[in-house]
Amino acid sequence: ISGVFEGIRCPEGWNQRRDASDVFDAKADVLELLEMFDIDINKVQVSAESAPWYHPGRSFKIQLGPKNILAMGGELHPKILEQFDLKPGVLGFEVFYTAIPLAKNKKTTKPALFLSPYQAVERDFAFIVDDVCTAQSVIQAINKVNPDLIASVLLFDVFKGEGIPEGKKSLALTVRLEPKTATLVESEIVKVGEDIISSVQKLTGGVLRA
């Protein structure tokens, strides 16, 4: 399954800026598609590595485990754009259907897909935690803050080394907020961020990396 697109993120309005679509929009589309295949996106790993036909630093790869690549995408590489006479900012993605685990039979019916008309917001956090602390425990601590607002929490980096105390590691995560009733204002976004930091510290002992 693949797609190519470009253009503004949403129709211009009094409360919407005329922002161009970017790699985060492509990633959000892919994650939403994976959810439709019953993939728990809180368990996937997202990295900035991708195929050579995508722009380095403006692309992504989504895996389920160390070897199972589910999808990749991002801005097309400048050489590809030049070859096909395309303007900068064209995005693409690929979902590898055969890599998606078969869903187990379920007796319950999934609720209808809800697409919010309000702009989503993504924020990155990096926490220093004990080496034995799992990423899943940090993700669960974040999700407890506001399950109705927090649409996904994705781990994109684990680091141990210079600047990190011995016996500790840094976990970097992207938190996606999807409001359902109104566009978030900056003060609301800041409050959610503060609650996330507090929840992670309380439930895992993790502290925000300076």
Foldseek 3Di string as FASTA:
>chain_A
DKDKDWAFPDDDDPPDDRHIDFLVVVVVVVVVVLVVQVDDQQQKEKEQDDDPQADRPFKIWIARPDPQTFKIKTWGHPVVCVVVVHDGGMIMMDGDVVSRDHDDDDPDDDDDDDDAPEDKDKDKFKWKAFPPDDPSQLQVLLCVLDVVFWPYKHWHDKADDPPHDPRIIMTMIMTMTDDRPDYDDPVRVVVSVVSSQVSSCVRGVIHTDD
